[in-house]
Amino acid sequence: MNDAWPELPIDLTSEVRMRRAELRDLDSILRLLADDPVSAGRGDRNRPEDRPAYERAFTAIDRDPAQLLLVTESEGDGIIGMMQLSLLPGLARRGAMRLQIEAVRVRSDRRSAGIGGRMIRWAMESAPGMGAALVQLTSDAAREDAHRFYERLGFTASHVGFKYAPPAAAVSPPD
C-alpha cells in the first residue's frame, strides 16, 4: 500500500463509510458495474465466464501501490458505491502528481442522496495529502447528468478525450 493514501476507513455520514476494497467485495463491485447502463453497454454484465478477468484486474489494482480501489458501504445495506483512484506522476505542470478518479459508481437505488458527492469531495480534499497538485477524471460523453454533477463539484470540462481500442487479438491478459 502506498504511504500517500489516507487512513481508511472513513465515515462519509453516520451510516455510510468508505474503505479499501477487498477481493470478497468483487461480486458487489460487479453488480455496481452491471447496474450502470453505460458500463453494461461496454460488456460489464457480471457474467460468470468473465469472473477470471475481473479477478486478474482486481489483483493487479490491489497490488499496485499507485492504485486504490474504494467501496462505500451502508450499515445494513451493503456496498452501495465504488471508485478507483490512481496517482499519476507527470512531467507537465512542473512535475505535478495527478490524482485520477475512475469508475465512480453509486447503486441506482441510492443515487441522488449525496453519496457520490461525498466520495468525490473526499478525494478532492485528500489530494494535497497524497501529493497531488491536480485532480482529474474522465466521463463518458453520454453521461450528461454526471457532467453537471462534476461541474457542481468544481470540475471544469477543460480537455477533449480520445480512446482507442486495439484489436482483441493484439491484447493479451496480464499474468
N, C-alpha and C. Protein backbone atom coordinates (compact mmCIF):
# COMPACT_ATOMS: atom_id res chain seq x y z
N MET A 1 0.84 -1.19 0.00
CA MET A 1 0.00 0.00 0.00
C MET A 1 0.87 1.24 0.00
N ASN A 2 0.45 2.24 -0.72
CA ASN A 2 1.18 3.48 -0.86
C ASN A 2 1.02 4.32 0.42
N ASP A 3 2.13 4.85 0.92
CA ASP A 3 2.06 5.71 2.11
C ASP A 3 1.30 7.00 1.85
N ALA A 4 1.11 7.35 0.57
CA ALA A 4 0.40 8.58 0.24
C ALA A 4 -1.10 8.47 0.48
N TRP A 5 -1.63 7.25 0.50
CA TRP A 5 -3.07 7.10 0.66
C TRP A 5 -3.49 7.44 2.09
N PRO A 6 -4.60 8.12 2.25
CA PRO A 6 -5.10 8.46 3.59
C PRO A 6 -5.50 7.21 4.38
N GLU A 7 -5.58 7.37 5.67
CA GLU A 7 -6.04 6.28 6.54
C GLU A 7 -7.50 5.97 6.22
N LEU A 8 -7.81 4.72 6.15
CA LEU A 8 -9.16 4.26 5.88
C LEU A 8 -9.53 3.24 6.94
N PRO A 9 -10.79 2.98 7.20
CA PRO A 9 -11.96 3.56 6.55
C PRO A 9 -12.25 4.97 7.07
N ILE A 10 -13.11 5.66 6.33
CA ILE A 10 -13.56 6.97 6.76
C ILE A 10 -15.09 6.98 6.71
N ASP A 11 -15.67 7.72 7.61
CA ASP A 11 -17.12 7.85 7.65
C ASP A 11 -17.54 9.01 6.75
N LEU A 12 -18.39 8.72 5.77
CA LEU A 12 -18.93 9.78 4.91
C LEU A 12 -20.17 10.38 5.54
N THR A 13 -20.95 9.55 6.24
CA THR A 13 -22.10 10.00 7.04
C THR A 13 -22.11 9.10 8.27
N SER A 14 -23.12 9.26 9.11
CA SER A 14 -23.22 8.40 10.28
C SER A 14 -23.52 6.95 9.91
N GLU A 15 -24.05 6.72 8.70
CA GLU A 15 -24.41 5.37 8.27
C GLU A 15 -23.59 4.85 7.10
N VAL A 16 -22.80 5.70 6.46
CA VAL A 16 -22.06 5.32 5.26
C VAL A 16 -20.57 5.53 5.48
N ARG A 17 -19.80 4.48 5.18
CA ARG A 17 -18.35 4.57 5.32
C ARG A 17 -17.69 4.10 4.04
N MET A 18 -16.47 4.58 3.83
CA MET A 18 -15.70 4.20 2.65
C MET A 18 -14.44 3.51 3.13
N ARG A 19 -14.08 2.42 2.44
CA ARG A 19 -12.90 1.64 2.81
C ARG A 19 -12.27 1.06 1.56
N ARG A 20 -11.06 0.56 1.75
CA ARG A 20 -10.35 -0.13 0.67
C ARG A 20 -11.13 -1.39 0.29
N ALA A 21 -11.29 -1.62 -1.01
CA ALA A 21 -11.99 -2.81 -1.48
C ALA A 21 -11.14 -4.05 -1.23
N GLU A 22 -11.81 -5.15 -0.97
CA GLU A 22 -11.16 -6.45 -0.78
C GLU A 22 -11.75 -7.41 -1.82
N LEU A 23 -11.02 -8.48 -2.10
CA LEU A 23 -11.48 -9.43 -3.10
C LEU A 23 -12.88 -9.95 -2.79
N ARG A 24 -13.21 -10.08 -1.52
CA ARG A 24 -14.55 -10.56 -1.15
C ARG A 24 -15.66 -9.58 -1.58
N ASP A 25 -15.28 -8.34 -1.95
CA ASP A 25 -16.24 -7.34 -2.41
C ASP A 25 -16.51 -7.41 -3.91
N LEU A 26 -15.78 -8.27 -4.61
CA LEU A 26 -15.84 -8.27 -6.06
C LEU A 26 -17.24 -8.49 -6.60
N ASP A 27 -18.02 -9.38 -6.03
CA ASP A 27 -19.38 -9.59 -6.53
C ASP A 27 -20.21 -8.31 -6.44
N SER A 28 -20.09 -7.60 -5.35
CA SER A 28 -20.83 -6.34 -5.19
C SER A 28 -20.34 -5.29 -6.18
N ILE A 29 -19.04 -5.24 -6.41
CA ILE A 29 -18.47 -4.30 -7.37
C ILE A 29 -18.99 -4.61 -8.78
N LEU A 30 -19.02 -5.89 -9.13
CA LEU A 30 -19.50 -6.27 -10.45
C LEU A 30 -20.99 -5.95 -10.62
N ARG A 31 -21.75 -6.07 -9.55
CA ARG A 31 -23.17 -5.69 -9.62
C ARG A 31 -23.31 -4.19 -9.85
N LEU A 32 -22.44 -3.39 -9.23
CA LEU A 32 -22.47 -1.94 -9.46
C LEU A 32 -22.18 -1.61 -10.92
N LEU A 33 -21.19 -2.28 -11.50
CA LEU A 33 -20.86 -2.04 -12.90
C LEU A 33 -22.02 -2.45 -13.81
N ALA A 34 -22.61 -3.61 -13.55
CA ALA A 34 -23.71 -4.10 -14.37
C ALA A 34 -24.97 -3.25 -14.20
N ASP A 35 -25.12 -2.59 -13.06
CA ASP A 35 -26.26 -1.74 -12.75
C ASP A 35 -26.23 -0.43 -13.54
N ASP A 36 -25.07 -0.12 -14.13
CA ASP A 36 -24.88 1.12 -14.85
C ASP A 36 -25.07 0.87 -16.35
N PRO A 37 -26.03 1.54 -17.01
CA PRO A 37 -26.29 1.25 -18.43
C PRO A 37 -25.07 1.46 -19.34
N VAL A 38 -24.26 2.47 -19.08
CA VAL A 38 -23.09 2.71 -19.94
C VAL A 38 -22.08 1.57 -19.76
N SER A 39 -21.81 1.18 -18.52
CA SER A 39 -20.88 0.06 -18.27
C SER A 39 -21.42 -1.23 -18.85
N ALA A 40 -22.69 -1.49 -18.63
CA ALA A 40 -23.30 -2.72 -19.16
C ALA A 40 -23.20 -2.74 -20.68
N GLY A 41 -23.36 -1.58 -21.32
CA GLY A 41 -23.24 -1.49 -22.76
C GLY A 41 -21.84 -1.78 -23.27
N ARG A 42 -20.85 -1.64 -22.41
CA ARG A 42 -19.46 -1.94 -22.77
C ARG A 42 -19.10 -3.39 -22.46
N GLY A 43 -20.04 -4.14 -21.91
CA GLY A 43 -19.78 -5.54 -21.64
C GLY A 43 -19.70 -5.91 -20.17
N ASP A 44 -19.82 -4.93 -19.27
CA ASP A 44 -19.79 -5.23 -17.83
C ASP A 44 -21.17 -5.71 -17.39
N ARG A 45 -21.41 -7.00 -17.61
CA ARG A 45 -22.73 -7.57 -17.34
C ARG A 45 -22.73 -8.59 -16.21
N ASN A 46 -21.59 -8.72 -15.52
CA ASN A 46 -21.49 -9.63 -14.38
C ASN A 46 -21.78 -11.07 -14.76
N ARG A 47 -21.19 -11.52 -15.87
CA ARG A 47 -21.39 -12.90 -16.33
C ARG A 47 -20.33 -13.80 -15.67
N PRO A 48 -20.71 -15.00 -15.27
CA PRO A 48 -19.76 -15.91 -14.62
C PRO A 48 -18.51 -16.18 -15.46
N GLU A 49 -18.64 -16.25 -16.76
CA GLU A 49 -17.47 -16.53 -17.59
C GLU A 49 -16.45 -15.39 -17.61
N ASP A 50 -16.86 -14.21 -17.19
CA ASP A 50 -15.95 -13.06 -17.14
C ASP A 50 -15.22 -12.95 -15.80
N ARG A 51 -15.63 -13.73 -14.83
CA ARG A 51 -15.09 -13.62 -13.47
C ARG A 51 -13.56 -13.70 -13.42
N PRO A 52 -12.91 -14.64 -14.11
CA PRO A 52 -11.44 -14.70 -14.04
C PRO A 52 -10.77 -13.40 -14.50
N ALA A 53 -11.31 -12.75 -15.51
CA ALA A 53 -10.73 -11.49 -15.98
C ALA A 53 -10.87 -10.40 -14.92
N TYR A 54 -12.02 -10.36 -14.27
CA TYR A 54 -12.22 -9.37 -13.20
C TYR A 54 -11.31 -9.65 -12.00
N GLU A 55 -11.13 -10.91 -11.68
CA GLU A 55 -10.24 -11.25 -10.56
C GLU A 55 -8.80 -10.85 -10.87
N ARG A 56 -8.35 -11.08 -12.12
CA ARG A 56 -7.00 -10.65 -12.51
C ARG A 56 -6.86 -9.14 -12.40
N ALA A 57 -7.88 -8.42 -12.88
CA ALA A 57 -7.83 -6.96 -12.83
C ALA A 57 -7.83 -6.47 -11.38
N PHE A 58 -8.68 -7.05 -10.55
CA PHE A 58 -8.73 -6.65 -9.14
C PHE A 58 -7.36 -6.86 -8.49
N THR A 59 -6.76 -8.01 -8.72
CA THR A 59 -5.45 -8.31 -8.13
C THR A 59 -4.39 -7.34 -8.60
N ALA A 60 -4.40 -7.00 -9.89
CA ALA A 60 -3.42 -6.04 -10.41
C ALA A 60 -3.60 -4.67 -9.77
N ILE A 61 -4.84 -4.23 -9.62
CA ILE A 61 -5.11 -2.94 -8.98
C ILE A 61 -4.67 -2.98 -7.52
N ASP A 62 -5.04 -4.04 -6.83
CA ASP A 62 -4.75 -4.16 -5.40
C ASP A 62 -3.25 -4.21 -5.11
N ARG A 63 -2.48 -4.79 -6.00
CA ARG A 63 -1.03 -4.91 -5.81
C ARG A 63 -0.26 -3.65 -6.18
N ASP A 64 -0.86 -2.79 -6.97
CA ASP A 64 -0.18 -1.59 -7.46
C ASP A 64 -0.27 -0.48 -6.41
N PRO A 65 0.86 -0.05 -5.87
CA PRO A 65 0.81 0.98 -4.82
C PRO A 65 0.31 2.34 -5.29
N ALA A 66 0.21 2.54 -6.60
CA ALA A 66 -0.30 3.80 -7.14
C ALA A 66 -1.81 3.75 -7.35
N GLN A 67 -2.45 2.63 -7.01
CA GLN A 67 -3.88 2.44 -7.22
C GLN A 67 -4.59 2.21 -5.90
N LEU A 68 -5.80 2.72 -5.80
CA LEU A 68 -6.62 2.47 -4.62
C LEU A 68 -8.07 2.29 -5.08
N LEU A 69 -8.59 1.11 -4.87
CA LEU A 69 -9.98 0.82 -5.20
C LEU A 69 -10.78 0.89 -3.90
N LEU A 70 -11.78 1.75 -3.89
CA LEU A 70 -12.57 2.00 -2.70
C LEU A 70 -14.00 1.53 -2.89
N VAL A 71 -14.60 1.05 -1.81
CA VAL A 71 -16.03 0.77 -1.80
C VAL A 71 -16.67 1.60 -0.69
N THR A 72 -17.91 1.93 -0.94
CA THR A 72 -18.71 2.67 0.04
C THR A 72 -19.81 1.73 0.48
N GLU A 73 -19.95 1.58 1.79
CA GLU A 73 -20.97 0.67 2.29
C GLU A 73 -21.86 1.38 3.30
N SER A 74 -23.11 0.93 3.30
CA SER A 74 -24.11 1.48 4.18
C SER A 74 -24.47 0.43 5.22
N GLU A 75 -24.62 0.88 6.43
CA GLU A 75 -24.98 -0.01 7.52
C GLU A 75 -26.27 -0.75 7.17
N GLY A 76 -26.21 -2.08 7.13
CA GLY A 76 -27.37 -2.90 6.84
C GLY A 76 -27.76 -2.98 5.37
N ASP A 77 -27.07 -2.24 4.51
CA ASP A 77 -27.44 -2.22 3.09
C ASP A 77 -26.28 -2.66 2.19
N GLY A 78 -25.14 -2.98 2.77
CA GLY A 78 -24.01 -3.47 1.99
C GLY A 78 -23.33 -2.40 1.16
N ILE A 79 -22.64 -2.85 0.13
CA ILE A 79 -21.87 -1.95 -0.72
C ILE A 79 -22.81 -1.21 -1.66
N ILE A 80 -22.69 0.12 -1.62
CA ILE A 80 -23.58 0.96 -2.42
C ILE A 80 -22.82 1.86 -3.38
N GLY A 81 -21.50 1.85 -3.31
CA GLY A 81 -20.72 2.71 -4.21
C GLY A 81 -19.29 2.24 -4.32
N MET A 82 -18.59 2.82 -5.30
CA MET A 82 -17.19 2.48 -5.52
C MET A 82 -16.51 3.60 -6.30
N MET A 83 -15.20 3.64 -6.24
CA MET A 83 -14.40 4.47 -7.13
C MET A 83 -12.95 3.99 -7.06
N GLN A 84 -12.23 4.25 -8.13
CA GLN A 84 -10.82 3.90 -8.19
C GLN A 84 -10.01 5.18 -8.28
N LEU A 85 -8.97 5.26 -7.48
CA LEU A 85 -8.05 6.39 -7.50
C LEU A 85 -6.69 5.92 -7.99
N SER A 86 -6.05 6.74 -8.80
CA SER A 86 -4.71 6.44 -9.32
C SER A 86 -3.84 7.68 -9.16
N LEU A 87 -2.66 7.49 -8.63
CA LEU A 87 -1.68 8.57 -8.57
C LEU A 87 -0.79 8.47 -9.80
N LEU A 88 -0.78 9.54 -10.58
CA LEU A 88 -0.05 9.56 -11.84
C LEU A 88 1.04 10.63 -11.81
N PRO A 89 2.31 10.21 -11.79
CA PRO A 89 3.37 11.21 -11.88
C PRO A 89 3.45 11.74 -13.31
N GLY A 90 3.86 12.96 -13.45
CA GLY A 90 3.99 13.53 -14.79
C GLY A 90 5.06 14.60 -14.84
N LEU A 91 5.47 14.93 -16.03
CA LEU A 91 6.45 16.00 -16.22
C LEU A 91 5.78 17.35 -16.39
N ALA A 92 4.60 17.37 -16.99
CA ALA A 92 3.88 18.62 -17.22
C ALA A 92 3.52 19.28 -15.88
N ARG A 93 3.28 20.57 -15.95
CA ARG A 93 2.94 21.35 -14.75
C ARG A 93 4.04 21.25 -13.70
N ARG A 94 5.28 21.33 -14.18
CA ARG A 94 6.48 21.29 -13.33
C ARG A 94 6.55 20.00 -12.51
N GLY A 95 6.24 18.89 -13.15
CA GLY A 95 6.37 17.59 -12.50
C GLY A 95 5.25 17.27 -11.54
N ALA A 96 4.09 17.83 -11.77
CA ALA A 96 2.97 17.65 -10.84
C ALA A 96 2.45 16.22 -10.83
N MET A 97 2.15 15.74 -9.64
CA MET A 97 1.44 14.48 -9.45
C MET A 97 -0.05 14.76 -9.65
N ARG A 98 -0.72 13.83 -10.32
CA ARG A 98 -2.16 13.95 -10.56
C ARG A 98 -2.88 12.83 -9.84
N LEU A 99 -4.04 13.14 -9.33
CA LEU A 99 -4.93 12.13 -8.79
C LEU A 99 -6.03 11.91 -9.81
N GLN A 100 -6.07 10.72 -10.39
CA GLN A 100 -7.09 10.36 -11.38
C GLN A 100 -8.22 9.62 -10.67
N ILE A 101 -9.44 10.06 -10.89
CA ILE A 101 -10.62 9.40 -10.33
C ILE A 101 -11.29 8.64 -11.47
N GLU A 102 -11.54 7.36 -11.24
CA GLU A 102 -12.13 6.49 -12.26
C GLU A 102 -13.27 5.68 -11.64
N ALA A 103 -14.10 5.12 -12.51
CA ALA A 103 -15.09 4.11 -12.15
C ALA A 103 -15.95 4.50 -10.94
N VAL A 104 -16.41 5.72 -10.94
CA VAL A 104 -17.29 6.17 -9.86
C VAL A 104 -18.68 5.59 -10.11
N ARG A 105 -19.17 4.84 -9.16
CA ARG A 105 -20.49 4.24 -9.28
C ARG A 105 -21.21 4.32 -7.94
N VAL A 106 -22.49 4.62 -7.99
CA VAL A 106 -23.37 4.54 -6.83
C VAL A 106 -24.56 3.71 -7.28
N ARG A 107 -24.95 2.77 -6.44
CA ARG A 107 -26.06 1.88 -6.77
C ARG A 107 -27.29 2.71 -7.15
N SER A 108 -28.01 2.27 -8.17
CA SER A 108 -29.10 3.08 -8.74
C SER A 108 -30.15 3.47 -7.71
N ASP A 109 -30.45 2.62 -6.74
CA ASP A 109 -31.47 2.96 -5.75
C ASP A 109 -30.96 3.92 -4.68
N ARG A 110 -29.66 4.25 -4.72
CA ARG A 110 -29.08 5.18 -3.73
C ARG A 110 -28.55 6.46 -4.37
N ARG A 111 -28.76 6.62 -5.69
CA ARG A 111 -28.30 7.84 -6.36
C ARG A 111 -29.14 9.03 -5.94
N SER A 112 -28.58 10.20 -6.08
CA SER A 112 -29.22 11.47 -5.73
C SER A 112 -29.41 11.63 -4.23
N ALA A 113 -28.63 10.91 -3.44
CA ALA A 113 -28.71 11.02 -1.98
C ALA A 113 -27.46 11.69 -1.41
N GLY A 114 -26.57 12.18 -2.28
CA GLY A 114 -25.37 12.88 -1.82
C GLY A 114 -24.16 11.98 -1.60
N ILE A 115 -24.30 10.69 -1.82
CA ILE A 115 -23.19 9.76 -1.56
C ILE A 115 -22.05 9.99 -2.54
N GLY A 116 -22.36 10.06 -3.83
CA GLY A 116 -21.33 10.30 -4.83
C GLY A 116 -20.59 11.60 -4.58
N GLY A 117 -21.32 12.64 -4.21
CA GLY A 117 -20.69 13.93 -3.91
C GLY A 117 -19.74 13.84 -2.74
N ARG A 118 -20.14 13.11 -1.71
CA ARG A 118 -19.25 12.93 -0.55
C ARG A 118 -17.98 12.16 -0.93
N MET A 119 -18.14 11.15 -1.78
CA MET A 119 -16.99 10.36 -2.21
C MET A 119 -16.00 11.24 -2.98
N ILE A 120 -16.51 11.99 -3.95
CA ILE A 120 -15.64 12.83 -4.78
C ILE A 120 -15.03 13.95 -3.97
N ARG A 121 -15.81 14.61 -3.13
CA ARG A 121 -15.26 15.69 -2.30
C ARG A 121 -14.16 15.17 -1.38
N TRP A 122 -14.34 13.96 -0.85
CA TRP A 122 -13.29 13.37 -0.01
C TRP A 122 -12.00 13.23 -0.82
N ALA A 123 -12.09 12.73 -2.05
CA ALA A 123 -10.91 12.58 -2.89
C ALA A 123 -10.28 13.94 -3.19
N MET A 124 -11.11 14.92 -3.49
CA MET A 124 -10.60 16.27 -3.80
C MET A 124 -9.88 16.86 -2.58
N GLU A 125 -10.49 16.73 -1.41
CA GLU A 125 -9.89 17.29 -0.20
C GLU A 125 -8.65 16.52 0.23
N SER A 126 -8.58 15.24 -0.08
CA SER A 126 -7.44 14.41 0.30
C SER A 126 -6.27 14.53 -0.66
N ALA A 127 -6.49 15.06 -1.85
CA ALA A 127 -5.46 15.11 -2.89
C ALA A 127 -4.15 15.75 -2.44
N PRO A 128 -4.17 16.92 -1.79
CA PRO A 128 -2.89 17.51 -1.39
C PRO A 128 -2.08 16.61 -0.45
N GLY A 129 -2.75 15.90 0.44
CA GLY A 129 -2.06 14.99 1.34
C GLY A 129 -1.47 13.79 0.62
N MET A 130 -1.98 13.50 -0.57
CA MET A 130 -1.46 12.41 -1.39
C MET A 130 -0.33 12.91 -2.30
N GLY A 131 -0.06 14.21 -2.24
CA GLY A 131 0.98 14.80 -3.09
C GLY A 131 0.48 15.21 -4.46
N ALA A 132 -0.83 15.23 -4.65
CA ALA A 132 -1.40 15.56 -5.95
C ALA A 132 -1.69 17.06 -6.06
N ALA A 133 -1.20 17.64 -7.14
CA ALA A 133 -1.44 19.06 -7.41
C ALA A 133 -2.67 19.26 -8.28
N LEU A 134 -3.19 18.18 -8.83
CA LEU A 134 -4.33 18.26 -9.74
C LEU A 134 -5.18 17.01 -9.57
N VAL A 135 -6.50 17.18 -9.56
CA VAL A 135 -7.44 16.06 -9.53
C VAL A 135 -8.13 16.06 -10.89
N GLN A 136 -8.13 14.91 -11.53
CA GLN A 136 -8.75 14.83 -12.86
C GLN A 136 -9.60 13.57 -12.97
N LEU A 137 -10.53 13.62 -13.91
CA LEU A 137 -11.37 12.46 -14.19
C LEU A 137 -11.86 12.58 -15.62
N THR A 138 -12.33 11.47 -16.14
CA THR A 138 -13.00 11.47 -17.44
C THR A 138 -14.40 10.93 -17.22
N SER A 139 -15.28 11.30 -18.11
CA SER A 139 -16.66 10.84 -18.02
C SER A 139 -17.16 10.61 -19.44
N ASP A 140 -17.81 9.49 -19.65
CA ASP A 140 -18.34 9.15 -20.96
C ASP A 140 -19.20 10.31 -21.48
N ALA A 141 -19.08 10.60 -22.77
CA ALA A 141 -19.83 11.71 -23.36
C ALA A 141 -21.34 11.57 -23.18
N ALA A 142 -21.83 10.34 -23.04
CA ALA A 142 -23.26 10.11 -22.88
C ALA A 142 -23.77 10.45 -21.47
N ARG A 143 -22.88 10.67 -20.53
CA ARG A 143 -23.28 10.87 -19.13
C ARG A 143 -23.51 12.37 -18.83
N GLU A 144 -24.50 12.95 -19.44
CA GLU A 144 -24.74 14.38 -19.27
C GLU A 144 -25.07 14.76 -17.83
N ASP A 145 -25.85 13.92 -17.14
CA ASP A 145 -26.15 14.20 -15.73
C ASP A 145 -24.87 14.19 -14.90
N ALA A 146 -23.99 13.24 -15.18
CA ALA A 146 -22.72 13.16 -14.45
C ALA A 146 -21.87 14.40 -14.72
N HIS A 147 -21.90 14.92 -15.95
CA HIS A 147 -21.11 16.12 -16.27
C HIS A 147 -21.59 17.30 -15.42
N ARG A 148 -22.89 17.46 -15.30
CA ARG A 148 -23.42 18.54 -14.46
C ARG A 148 -23.03 18.33 -13.00
N PHE A 149 -23.07 17.10 -12.55
CA PHE A 149 -22.68 16.74 -11.18
C PHE A 149 -21.22 17.15 -10.93
N TYR A 150 -20.31 16.78 -11.83
CA TYR A 150 -18.90 17.11 -11.64
C TYR A 150 -18.67 18.63 -11.71
N GLU A 151 -19.39 19.31 -12.58
CA GLU A 151 -19.25 20.77 -12.65
C GLU A 151 -19.72 21.43 -11.35
N ARG A 152 -20.80 20.91 -10.76
CA ARG A 152 -21.27 21.45 -9.47
C ARG A 152 -20.22 21.27 -8.38
N LEU A 153 -19.40 20.21 -8.49
CA LEU A 153 -18.35 19.96 -7.51
C LEU A 153 -17.10 20.81 -7.76
N GLY A 154 -17.06 21.54 -8.88
CA GLY A 154 -15.93 22.42 -9.16
C GLY A 154 -15.02 21.98 -10.29
N PHE A 155 -15.32 20.86 -10.93
CA PHE A 155 -14.52 20.41 -12.07
C PHE A 155 -14.90 21.23 -13.30
N THR A 156 -13.93 21.43 -14.20
CA THR A 156 -14.21 22.09 -15.46
C THR A 156 -13.92 21.12 -16.61
N ALA A 157 -14.72 21.21 -17.65
CA ALA A 157 -14.53 20.39 -18.84
C ALA A 157 -13.46 21.07 -19.69
N SER A 158 -12.20 20.82 -19.35
CA SER A 158 -11.09 21.56 -19.95
C SER A 158 -10.42 20.87 -21.13
N HIS A 159 -10.67 19.59 -21.32
CA HIS A 159 -9.99 18.83 -22.37
C HIS A 159 -10.99 17.99 -23.16
N VAL A 160 -10.57 17.57 -24.32
CA VAL A 160 -11.33 16.61 -25.11
C VAL A 160 -10.57 15.30 -25.02
N GLY A 161 -11.25 14.23 -24.66
CA GLY A 161 -10.58 12.94 -24.51
C GLY A 161 -10.77 12.06 -25.73
N PHE A 162 -9.81 11.19 -25.95
CA PHE A 162 -9.88 10.25 -27.06
C PHE A 162 -9.56 8.86 -26.54
N LYS A 163 -10.13 7.85 -27.14
CA LYS A 163 -9.87 6.46 -26.77
C LYS A 163 -9.60 5.67 -28.04
N TYR A 164 -8.80 4.64 -27.90
CA TYR A 164 -8.54 3.70 -28.99
C TYR A 164 -8.55 2.31 -28.41
N ALA A 165 -9.31 1.43 -29.00
CA ALA A 165 -9.37 0.03 -28.54
C ALA A 165 -8.61 -0.82 -29.55
N PRO A 166 -7.44 -1.37 -29.17
CA PRO A 166 -6.71 -2.23 -30.09
C PRO A 166 -7.51 -3.49 -30.38
N PRO A 167 -7.24 -4.12 -31.52
CA PRO A 167 -7.96 -5.37 -31.82
C PRO A 167 -7.80 -6.38 -30.69
N ALA A 168 -8.84 -7.11 -30.39
CA ALA A 168 -8.83 -8.06 -29.28
C ALA A 168 -7.69 -9.05 -29.39
N ALA A 169 -7.36 -9.48 -30.58
CA ALA A 169 -6.28 -10.46 -30.76
C ALA A 169 -4.92 -9.90 -30.34
N ALA A 170 -4.77 -8.59 -30.39
CA ALA A 170 -3.50 -7.96 -30.05
C ALA A 170 -3.32 -7.76 -28.54
N VAL A 171 -4.40 -7.93 -27.79
CA VAL A 171 -4.37 -7.70 -26.35
C VAL A 171 -4.28 -9.04 -25.64
N SER A 172 -3.24 -9.19 -24.86
CA SER A 172 -3.14 -10.43 -24.07
C SER A 172 -3.35 -10.09 -22.60
N PRO A 173 -4.09 -10.91 -21.88
CA PRO A 173 -4.36 -10.61 -20.46
C PRO A 173 -3.06 -10.67 -19.65
N PRO A 174 -2.98 -9.81 -18.63
CA PRO A 174 -1.79 -9.84 -17.76
C PRO A 174 -1.70 -11.16 -16.99
N ASP A 175 -0.49 -11.53 -16.62
CA ASP A 175 -0.29 -12.76 -15.85
C ASP A 175 -0.73 -12.58 -14.42
